[in-house]
Every structure is written in C-alpha cells, then in structure tokens.
C-alpha cells in the first residue's frame, strides 16, 4: 500500500462491493472523511480502491470496465 502497510500472515480478507461509478463513490466517501488505503487502481477487468470501515477492516470498491 502507498502508506507502507504490507499483508500479514493470513492475507487481507476484505469485503468487496461492486459499484457503478467508483469516482462518484470515492468522492462521496472522501467528503465524509472515510480513510482510504489506496488510490483508484485500474487493472484487468475493472477499477478498484481499498478503504477502511469504522473498525479498520478493509473494504474494496470495484467497478467493472
């Protein structure tokens, strides 16, 4: 991750949520003060971003392209 975090034993389990407009969702959540682990990354099949929920658990937003 950009902040230097690396996976620990057991990996990073996360909830993955499909969204229709990742840019709009990131903008809305950023305004609400949600902490992001990464910026939007584009890869095979889509775009994704990781954020932390209120308990610090990773949540992935994914938009198919």
C-alpha atoms as a PDB file:
ATOM      1  CA  UNK A   1       0.000   0.000   0.000  1.00  0.00           C
ATOM      2  CA  UNK A   2       1.132   3.575  -0.521  1.00  0.00           C
ATOM      3  CA  UNK A   3       1.299   4.074   3.260  1.00  0.00           C
ATOM      4  CA  UNK A   4       3.773   1.183   3.657  1.00  0.00           C
ATOM      5  CA  UNK A   5       1.385  -1.445   5.013  1.00  0.00           C
ATOM      6  CA  UNK A   6       2.066  -4.992   3.823  1.00  0.00           C
ATOM      7  CA  UNK A   7      -0.076  -8.134   4.082  1.00  0.00           C
ATOM      8  CA  UNK A   8       0.307 -10.109   7.281  1.00  0.00           C
ATOM      9  CA  UNK A   9       0.052 -13.900   7.665  1.00  0.00           C
ATOM     10  CA  UNK A  10      -3.401 -14.952   6.537  1.00  0.00           C
ATOM     11  CA  UNK A  11      -3.595 -12.202   3.915  1.00  0.00           C
ATOM     12  CA  UNK A  12      -6.010  -9.332   3.789  1.00  0.00           C
ATOM     13  CA  UNK A  13      -9.539 -10.608   3.867  1.00  0.00           C
ATOM     14  CA  UNK A  14     -11.933  -7.902   2.786  1.00  0.00           C
ATOM     15  CA  UNK A  15     -15.476  -7.196   1.800  1.00  0.00           C
ATOM     16  CA  UNK A  16     -15.792  -6.415  -1.903  1.00  0.00           C
ATOM     17  CA  UNK A  17     -18.626  -4.200  -3.108  1.00  0.00           C
ATOM     18  CA  UNK A  18     -19.454  -3.656  -6.756  1.00  0.00           C
ATOM     19  CA  UNK A  19     -20.294  -0.055  -7.657  1.00  0.00           C
ATOM     20  CA  UNK A  20     -21.471   1.549 -10.904  1.00  0.00           C
ATOM     21  CA  UNK A  21     -19.437   4.781 -10.590  1.00  0.00           C
ATOM     22  CA  UNK A  22     -16.299   4.392  -8.485  1.00  0.00           C
ATOM     23  CA  UNK A  23     -15.250   8.032  -8.963  1.00  0.00           C
ATOM     24  CA  UNK A  24     -18.551   9.288  -7.540  1.00  0.00           C
ATOM     25  CA  UNK A  25     -18.431   6.850  -4.608  1.00  0.00           C
ATOM     26  CA  UNK A  26     -14.834   7.763  -3.740  1.00  0.00           C
ATOM     27  CA  UNK A  27     -15.739  11.462  -3.871  1.00  0.00           C
ATOM     28  CA  UNK A  28     -18.763  10.962  -1.614  1.00  0.00           C
ATOM     29  CA  UNK A  29     -16.863   8.839   0.912  1.00  0.00           C
ATOM     30  CA  UNK A  30     -13.830  11.146   0.894  1.00  0.00           C
ATOM     31  CA  UNK A  31     -16.082  14.118   1.761  1.00  0.00           C
ATOM     32  CA  UNK A  32     -17.462  12.055   4.652  1.00  0.00           C
ATOM     33  CA  UNK A  33     -13.928  11.522   6.000  1.00  0.00           C
ATOM     34  CA  UNK A  34     -13.573   7.821   5.193  1.00  0.00           C
ATOM     35  CA  UNK A  35      -9.880   6.763   5.287  1.00  0.00           C
ATOM     36  CA  UNK A  36      -8.604   5.210   2.054  1.00  0.00           C
ATOM     37  CA  UNK A  37      -5.760   2.686   1.925  1.00  0.00           C
ATOM     38  CA  UNK A  38      -5.068   3.328  -1.757  1.00  0.00           C
ATOM     39  CA  UNK A  39      -5.993   5.443  -4.716  1.00  0.00           C
ATOM     40  CA  UNK A  40      -8.133   4.047  -7.519  1.00  0.00           C
ATOM     41  CA  UNK A  41      -6.195   1.355  -9.381  1.00  0.00           C
ATOM     42  CA  UNK A  42      -7.088   0.189 -12.890  1.00  0.00           C
ATOM     43  CA  UNK A  43      -6.426  -3.442 -13.722  1.00  0.00           C
ATOM     44  CA  UNK A  44      -7.705  -6.289 -15.832  1.00  0.00           C
ATOM     45  CA  UNK A  45     -11.478  -6.144 -15.851  1.00  0.00           C
ATOM     46  CA  UNK A  46     -12.008  -3.073 -13.747  1.00  0.00           C
ATOM     47  CA  UNK A  47     -11.035  -0.400 -11.281  1.00  0.00           C
ATOM     48  CA  UNK A  48     -10.730  -0.761  -7.514  1.00  0.00           C
ATOM     49  CA  UNK A  49      -9.910   1.128  -4.359  1.00  0.00           C
ATOM     50  CA  UNK A  50      -9.412  -0.029  -0.760  1.00  0.00           C
ATOM     51  CA  UNK A  51     -10.767   1.848   2.230  1.00  0.00           C
ATOM     52  CA  UNK A  52     -11.164   1.202   5.949  1.00  0.00           C
ATOM     53  CA  UNK A  53     -14.546   0.789   7.621  1.00  0.00           C
ATOM     54  CA  UNK A  54     -15.202   2.268  11.064  1.00  0.00           C
ATOM     55  CA  UNK A  55     -13.478  -0.704  12.739  1.00  0.00           C
ATOM     56  CA  UNK A  56     -10.415  -0.548  10.482  1.00  0.00           C
ATOM     57  CA  UNK A  57     -11.424  -3.503   8.326  1.00  0.00           C
ATOM     58  CA  UNK A  58     -10.545  -3.288   4.620  1.00  0.00           C
ATOM     59  CA  UNK A  59     -13.361  -2.794   2.128  1.00  0.00           C
ATOM     60  CA  UNK A  60     -12.825  -2.927  -1.622  1.00  0.00           C
ATOM     61  CA  UNK A  61     -14.962  -0.951  -4.039  1.00  0.00           C
ATOM     62  CA  UNK A  62     -14.858  -2.457  -7.530  1.00  0.00           C
ATOM     63  CA  UNK A  63     -16.214  -1.182 -10.835  1.00  0.00           C
ATOM     64  CA  UNK A  64     -16.194  -3.466 -13.869  1.00  0.00           C
ATOM     65  CA  UNK A  65     -14.971  -1.855 -17.080  1.00  0.00           C
END
